Amino acid sequence: MRKAQEIRNLDDSQLEAEVQRLRAEIFKLRTKDSLKQLDKTHEIKLTRRELAIVLTVLNERTTNKTQVSPQTEESK
């Protein structure tokens, strides 16, 4: 599992690819778990946590891009 700082160093296209990879990984892990083939069930939790971090970083970036700078007060 990567740390949040390592994830923040990636660009947007890499983050989008990482989201797709993690979602596919979660699907595979859940499938294996339902078939009783998964020995390390904690990997599901770790992968979900990493996905949450990546999505949070993406959300922070889009929020910062869309924020409008506050208007200066007009003098009276």
N, C-alpha and C. Protein backbone atom coordinates (compact mmCIF):
# COMPACT_ATOMS: atom_id res chain seq x y z
N MET A 1 0.84 -1.18 0.00
CA MET A 1 0.00 0.00 0.00
C MET A 1 0.88 1.23 0.00
N ARG A 2 0.54 2.15 -0.88
CA ARG A 2 1.31 3.39 -0.97
C ARG A 2 0.83 4.40 0.05
N LYS A 3 1.72 5.31 0.37
CA LYS A 3 1.37 6.39 1.27
C LYS A 3 0.71 7.51 0.47
N ALA A 4 -0.03 8.36 1.14
CA ALA A 4 -0.77 9.43 0.48
C ALA A 4 0.18 10.39 -0.24
N GLN A 5 1.35 10.64 0.33
CA GLN A 5 2.30 11.55 -0.30
C GLN A 5 2.79 10.99 -1.63
N GLU A 6 3.01 9.69 -1.70
CA GLU A 6 3.43 9.06 -2.96
C GLU A 6 2.32 9.18 -4.00
N ILE A 7 1.08 9.05 -3.58
CA ILE A 7 -0.05 9.15 -4.49
C ILE A 7 -0.21 10.59 -4.98
N ARG A 8 0.03 11.55 -4.11
CA ARG A 8 -0.09 12.96 -4.51
C ARG A 8 0.94 13.35 -5.56
N ASN A 9 2.03 12.62 -5.67
CA ASN A 9 3.06 12.93 -6.66
C ASN A 9 2.68 12.48 -8.07
N LEU A 10 1.63 11.66 -8.20
CA LEU A 10 1.19 11.19 -9.51
C LEU A 10 0.35 12.26 -10.20
N ASP A 11 0.35 12.22 -11.54
CA ASP A 11 -0.51 13.18 -12.25
C ASP A 11 -1.91 12.61 -12.40
N ASP A 12 -2.83 13.41 -12.93
CA ASP A 12 -4.24 13.02 -12.98
C ASP A 12 -4.48 11.76 -13.81
N SER A 13 -3.81 11.63 -14.93
CA SER A 13 -4.04 10.45 -15.76
C SER A 13 -3.54 9.18 -15.07
N GLN A 14 -2.45 9.28 -14.33
CA GLN A 14 -1.95 8.14 -13.58
C GLN A 14 -2.91 7.78 -12.45
N LEU A 15 -3.51 8.78 -11.83
CA LEU A 15 -4.47 8.53 -10.76
C LEU A 15 -5.73 7.85 -11.30
N GLU A 16 -6.19 8.28 -12.48
CA GLU A 16 -7.35 7.64 -13.09
C GLU A 16 -7.06 6.18 -13.41
N ALA A 17 -5.85 5.91 -13.91
CA ALA A 17 -5.46 4.53 -14.20
C ALA A 17 -5.38 3.72 -12.91
N GLU A 18 -4.91 4.34 -11.85
CA GLU A 18 -4.80 3.67 -10.56
C GLU A 18 -6.19 3.34 -10.01
N VAL A 19 -7.15 4.22 -10.20
CA VAL A 19 -8.52 3.95 -9.76
C VAL A 19 -9.06 2.72 -10.48
N GLN A 20 -8.86 2.66 -11.78
CA GLN A 20 -9.34 1.51 -12.55
C GLN A 20 -8.67 0.22 -12.11
N ARG A 21 -7.36 0.29 -11.86
CA ARG A 21 -6.62 -0.89 -11.43
C ARG A 21 -7.10 -1.38 -10.07
N LEU A 22 -7.30 -0.45 -9.15
CA LEU A 22 -7.73 -0.83 -7.80
C LEU A 22 -9.15 -1.39 -7.80
N ARG A 23 -10.03 -0.82 -8.60
CA ARG A 23 -11.39 -1.35 -8.68
C ARG A 23 -11.40 -2.76 -9.25
N ALA A 24 -10.56 -3.01 -10.24
CA ALA A 24 -10.45 -4.35 -10.81
C ALA A 24 -9.87 -5.32 -9.77
N GLU A 25 -8.90 -4.84 -9.00
CA GLU A 25 -8.29 -5.67 -7.95
C GLU A 25 -9.30 -6.02 -6.87
N ILE A 26 -10.11 -5.06 -6.47
CA ILE A 26 -11.15 -5.32 -5.47
C ILE A 26 -12.13 -6.36 -6.00
N PHE A 27 -12.50 -6.24 -7.27
CA PHE A 27 -13.42 -7.22 -7.86
C PHE A 27 -12.82 -8.62 -7.82
N LYS A 28 -11.55 -8.73 -8.19
CA LYS A 28 -10.89 -10.04 -8.17
C LYS A 28 -10.82 -10.61 -6.76
N LEU A 29 -10.48 -9.76 -5.80
CA LEU A 29 -10.37 -10.22 -4.42
C LEU A 29 -11.72 -10.67 -3.87
N ARG A 30 -12.76 -9.93 -4.17
CA ARG A 30 -14.09 -10.28 -3.67
C ARG A 30 -14.58 -11.57 -4.32
N THR A 31 -14.25 -11.75 -5.60
CA THR A 31 -14.63 -12.99 -6.28
C THR A 31 -13.93 -14.18 -5.65
N LYS A 32 -12.62 -14.03 -5.42
CA LYS A 32 -11.87 -15.11 -4.78
C LYS A 32 -12.40 -15.40 -3.38
N ASP A 33 -12.77 -14.35 -2.66
CA ASP A 33 -13.29 -14.52 -1.31
C ASP A 33 -14.61 -15.28 -1.32
N SER A 34 -15.46 -14.97 -2.28
CA SER A 34 -16.75 -15.65 -2.33
C SER A 34 -16.60 -17.13 -2.71
N LEU A 35 -15.52 -17.45 -3.43
CA LEU A 35 -15.25 -18.84 -3.80
C LEU A 35 -14.38 -19.55 -2.77
N LYS A 36 -14.12 -18.88 -1.67
CA LYS A 36 -13.29 -19.42 -0.58
C LYS A 36 -11.87 -19.75 -1.04
N GLN A 37 -11.35 -18.96 -1.97
CA GLN A 37 -10.00 -19.16 -2.47
C GLN A 37 -9.03 -18.09 -1.96
N LEU A 38 -9.52 -17.16 -1.18
CA LEU A 38 -8.69 -16.06 -0.70
C LEU A 38 -8.24 -16.35 0.72
N ASP A 39 -6.92 -16.45 0.90
CA ASP A 39 -6.38 -16.73 2.22
C ASP A 39 -6.19 -15.46 3.05
N LYS A 40 -5.78 -14.39 2.40
CA LYS A 40 -5.50 -13.14 3.11
C LYS A 40 -6.67 -12.17 2.88
N THR A 41 -7.69 -12.32 3.68
CA THR A 41 -8.89 -11.51 3.49
C THR A 41 -8.67 -10.03 3.82
N HIS A 42 -7.62 -9.73 4.55
CA HIS A 42 -7.33 -8.34 4.89
C HIS A 42 -6.91 -7.53 3.66
N GLU A 43 -6.55 -8.21 2.58
CA GLU A 43 -6.14 -7.49 1.37
C GLU A 43 -7.30 -6.69 0.78
N ILE A 44 -8.52 -7.16 0.99
CA ILE A 44 -9.69 -6.42 0.51
C ILE A 44 -9.75 -5.06 1.20
N LYS A 45 -9.59 -5.08 2.50
CA LYS A 45 -9.64 -3.84 3.28
C LYS A 45 -8.53 -2.88 2.88
N LEU A 46 -7.32 -3.40 2.70
CA LEU A 46 -6.19 -2.55 2.34
C LEU A 46 -6.37 -1.95 0.95
N THR A 47 -6.91 -2.73 0.03
CA THR A 47 -7.12 -2.23 -1.33
C THR A 47 -8.22 -1.17 -1.35
N ARG A 48 -9.28 -1.40 -0.57
CA ARG A 48 -10.34 -0.40 -0.48
C ARG A 48 -9.82 0.90 0.12
N ARG A 49 -8.96 0.79 1.11
CA ARG A 49 -8.39 1.97 1.74
C ARG A 49 -7.52 2.75 0.76
N GLU A 50 -6.71 2.03 -0.03
CA GLU A 50 -5.86 2.69 -1.02
C GLU A 50 -6.72 3.38 -2.08
N LEU A 51 -7.80 2.72 -2.50
CA LEU A 51 -8.72 3.34 -3.46
C LEU A 51 -9.31 4.62 -2.89
N ALA A 52 -9.66 4.60 -1.63
CA ALA A 52 -10.23 5.79 -0.98
C ALA A 52 -9.22 6.93 -0.98
N ILE A 53 -7.96 6.63 -0.74
CA ILE A 53 -6.93 7.67 -0.74
C ILE A 53 -6.79 8.27 -2.12
N VAL A 54 -6.75 7.42 -3.15
CA VAL A 54 -6.61 7.91 -4.52
C VAL A 54 -7.80 8.78 -4.90
N LEU A 55 -9.01 8.33 -4.58
CA LEU A 55 -10.19 9.12 -4.89
C LEU A 55 -10.22 10.44 -4.12
N THR A 56 -9.72 10.43 -2.90
CA THR A 56 -9.65 11.67 -2.12
C THR A 56 -8.69 12.67 -2.76
N VAL A 57 -7.54 12.19 -3.21
CA VAL A 57 -6.58 13.08 -3.87
C VAL A 57 -7.18 13.65 -5.15
N LEU A 58 -7.85 12.82 -5.94
CA LEU A 58 -8.50 13.31 -7.16
C LEU A 58 -9.56 14.35 -6.83
N ASN A 59 -10.34 14.10 -5.79
CA ASN A 59 -11.38 15.04 -5.38
C ASN A 59 -10.78 16.36 -4.90
N GLU A 60 -9.68 16.29 -4.17
CA GLU A 60 -9.01 17.51 -3.72
C GLU A 60 -8.55 18.34 -4.90
N ARG A 61 -8.01 17.68 -5.91
CA ARG A 61 -7.52 18.41 -7.09
C ARG A 61 -8.66 19.06 -7.86
N THR A 62 -9.76 18.35 -8.04
CA THR A 62 -10.87 18.95 -8.79
C THR A 62 -11.50 20.07 -7.99
N THR A 63 -11.53 19.94 -6.67
CA THR A 63 -12.09 21.00 -5.84
C THR A 63 -11.22 22.25 -5.91
N ASN A 64 -9.91 22.07 -5.89
CA ASN A 64 -9.00 23.20 -5.96
C ASN A 64 -9.06 23.88 -7.32
N LYS A 65 -9.31 23.13 -8.38
CA LYS A 65 -9.40 23.71 -9.72
C LYS A 65 -10.67 24.52 -9.90
N THR A 66 -11.75 24.09 -9.27
CA THR A 66 -13.04 24.74 -9.48
C THR A 66 -13.31 25.87 -8.50
N GLN A 67 -12.48 26.00 -7.48
CA GLN A 67 -12.72 27.07 -6.52
C GLN A 67 -12.47 28.42 -7.19
N VAL A 68 -13.36 29.33 -6.91
CA VAL A 68 -13.23 30.68 -7.44
C VAL A 68 -12.57 31.53 -6.37
N SER A 69 -11.59 32.31 -6.79
CA SER A 69 -10.92 33.15 -5.80
C SER A 69 -11.91 34.18 -5.28
N PRO A 70 -11.82 34.50 -3.98
CA PRO A 70 -12.77 35.45 -3.40
C PRO A 70 -12.60 36.84 -4.02
N GLN A 71 -13.73 37.47 -4.25
CA GLN A 71 -13.69 38.80 -4.85
C GLN A 71 -13.28 39.82 -3.80
N THR A 72 -12.54 40.78 -4.23
CA THR A 72 -12.13 41.84 -3.30
C THR A 72 -13.32 42.75 -3.05
N GLU A 73 -13.34 43.26 -1.86
CA GLU A 73 -14.44 44.16 -1.50
C GLU A 73 -14.26 45.47 -2.23
N GLU A 74 -15.38 45.98 -2.72
CA GLU A 74 -15.32 47.25 -3.41
C GLU A 74 -15.26 48.37 -2.39
N SER A 75 -14.49 49.37 -2.70
CA SER A 75 -14.41 50.49 -1.75
C SER A 75 -15.69 51.31 -1.84
N LYS A 76 -16.07 51.84 -0.67
CA LYS A 76 -17.33 52.57 -0.59
C LYS A 76 -17.15 54.01 -0.90
